[in-house]
Amino acid sequence: MFQPRIPVNPLPTSVVVPLVRTTPTGDIEPHATAHPPVCDHHHAPATAPVPARSSAVHLTPAGLAVVVAGGAGAVLVVGAVLVSMLLAVAVSAASVAVCAVVLRSLLNGRRRHR
């Protein structure tokens, strides 16, 4: 119940790969024939197998350099935006603090002169 069960997924060529690959032992020798068996009936010509399309992305060194440069540029732009937002918040907080001090001194000055 607590052990994971991994399904056997078929490849795009519809060949099912087992989870455990067995290797032939030394007692079993593969049988190879020099000539295929001869038959008297007509066969259709064999078609060449169509290679399966690979979904993997192959990057050349130049493409890898472009990806790295683009990633570094994106990190720099996002960092600059975040730093500018933090600076805007800090400037706003400082200006609100200055306004609060000025208003407090104005209100305290009015109370003293009464």
Protein backbone atom coordinates (compact mmCIF):
# COMPACT_ATOMS: atom_id res chain seq x y z
CA MET A 1 0.00 0.00 0.00
CA PHE A 2 2.80 2.46 0.84
CA GLN A 3 5.11 1.42 -1.98
CA PRO A 4 4.77 3.53 -5.14
CA ARG A 5 3.80 1.76 -8.32
CA ILE A 6 5.36 3.26 -11.42
CA PRO A 7 3.39 2.65 -14.62
CA VAL A 8 5.15 1.41 -17.72
CA ASN A 9 4.76 4.18 -20.25
CA PRO A 10 4.84 3.41 -23.95
CA LEU A 11 7.33 5.32 -26.03
CA PRO A 12 6.20 7.38 -29.05
CA THR A 13 7.16 4.38 -31.19
CA SER A 14 4.59 2.35 -29.21
CA VAL A 15 7.32 0.10 -27.80
CA VAL A 16 6.63 -0.69 -24.17
CA VAL A 17 9.72 -0.57 -21.96
CA PRO A 18 9.58 -2.80 -18.87
CA LEU A 19 10.54 -1.45 -15.48
CA VAL A 20 13.30 -4.02 -14.97
CA ARG A 21 15.56 -4.80 -17.87
CA THR A 22 16.72 -8.37 -17.96
CA THR A 23 20.09 -9.23 -19.38
CA PRO A 24 20.70 -12.51 -21.15
CA THR A 25 22.78 -14.97 -19.21
CA GLY A 26 25.97 -16.52 -20.53
CA ASP A 27 24.22 -19.82 -21.35
CA ILE A 28 21.96 -18.29 -23.98
CA GLU A 29 23.59 -17.44 -27.28
CA PRO A 30 21.73 -15.36 -29.87
CA HIS A 31 21.03 -17.33 -33.03
CA ALA A 32 22.04 -15.53 -36.21
CA THR A 33 21.32 -16.85 -39.68
CA ALA A 34 23.44 -15.95 -42.64
CA HIS A 35 20.54 -15.98 -45.13
CA PRO A 36 16.86 -15.30 -44.57
CA PRO A 37 14.56 -18.22 -45.34
CA VAL A 38 13.47 -18.40 -48.97
CA CYS A 39 9.77 -18.42 -49.74
CA ASP A 40 7.80 -18.63 -53.00
CA HIS A 41 5.22 -15.90 -52.47
CA HIS A 42 5.53 -12.17 -53.24
CA HIS A 43 6.40 -9.71 -50.46
CA ALA A 44 5.77 -5.97 -50.46
CA PRO A 45 8.94 -3.89 -50.22
CA ALA A 46 9.79 -2.94 -46.66
CA THR A 47 9.29 0.71 -45.85
CA ALA A 48 11.95 2.61 -43.97
CA PRO A 49 10.96 3.34 -40.38
CA VAL A 50 10.10 6.97 -39.74
CA PRO A 51 12.19 8.37 -36.90
CA ALA A 52 10.10 9.66 -34.02
CA ARG A 53 10.12 13.40 -33.44
CA SER A 54 12.14 14.26 -30.39
CA SER A 55 10.64 16.77 -27.99
CA ALA A 56 14.05 17.54 -26.49
CA VAL A 57 15.51 20.96 -27.26
CA HIS A 58 19.04 20.90 -28.60
CA LEU A 59 20.95 24.11 -27.89
CA THR A 60 24.05 25.13 -29.75
CA PRO A 61 26.74 27.04 -27.83
CA ALA A 62 25.52 30.29 -29.41
CA GLY A 63 21.93 29.50 -28.45
CA LEU A 64 23.00 28.69 -24.92
CA ALA A 65 24.84 32.01 -24.70
CA VAL A 66 21.68 33.83 -25.88
CA VAL A 67 19.57 32.04 -23.27
CA VAL A 68 22.04 32.85 -20.49
CA ALA A 69 22.27 36.50 -21.57
CA GLY A 70 18.47 36.76 -21.78
CA GLY A 71 18.09 35.23 -18.31
CA ALA A 72 20.69 37.57 -16.84
CA GLY A 73 18.98 40.54 -18.48
CA ALA A 74 15.61 39.49 -17.10
CA VAL A 75 17.07 39.14 -13.60
CA LEU A 76 18.64 42.61 -13.86
CA VAL A 77 15.40 44.20 -15.07
CA VAL A 78 13.30 42.54 -12.36
CA GLY A 79 15.89 43.53 -9.74
CA ALA A 80 15.90 47.14 -10.91
CA VAL A 81 12.10 47.28 -10.78
CA LEU A 82 12.01 45.81 -7.26
CA VAL A 83 14.72 48.17 -6.00
CA SER A 84 12.92 51.18 -7.48
CA MET A 85 9.67 50.11 -5.83
CA LEU A 86 11.47 49.74 -2.50
CA LEU A 87 13.05 53.18 -2.96
CA ALA A 88 9.63 54.69 -3.75
CA VAL A 89 8.18 53.20 -0.56
CA ALA A 90 11.13 54.50 1.48
CA VAL A 91 10.83 58.03 0.03
CA SER A 92 7.08 58.04 0.64
CA ALA A 93 7.56 56.91 4.25
CA ALA A 94 10.20 59.57 4.86
CA SER A 95 8.00 62.31 3.41
CA VAL A 96 5.03 61.21 5.53
CA ALA A 97 7.28 61.24 8.62
CA VAL A 98 8.50 64.76 7.82
CA CYS A 99 4.91 65.94 7.31
CA ALA A 100 3.90 64.40 10.63
CA VAL A 101 6.74 66.18 12.46
CA VAL A 102 5.88 69.52 10.84
CA LEU A 103 2.18 69.18 11.65
CA ARG A 104 2.96 68.19 15.23
CA SER A 105 5.21 71.22 15.72
CA LEU A 106 2.55 73.52 14.21
CA LEU A 107 -0.16 72.13 16.46
CA ASN A 108 2.06 72.32 19.56
CA GLY A 109 2.99 75.93 18.68
CA ARG A 110 -0.67 76.92 18.56
CA ARG A 111 -1.37 75.44 21.98
CA ARG A 112 1.52 77.34 23.57
CA HIS A 113 0.43 80.73 22.22
CA ARG A 114 -3.11 80.52 23.61
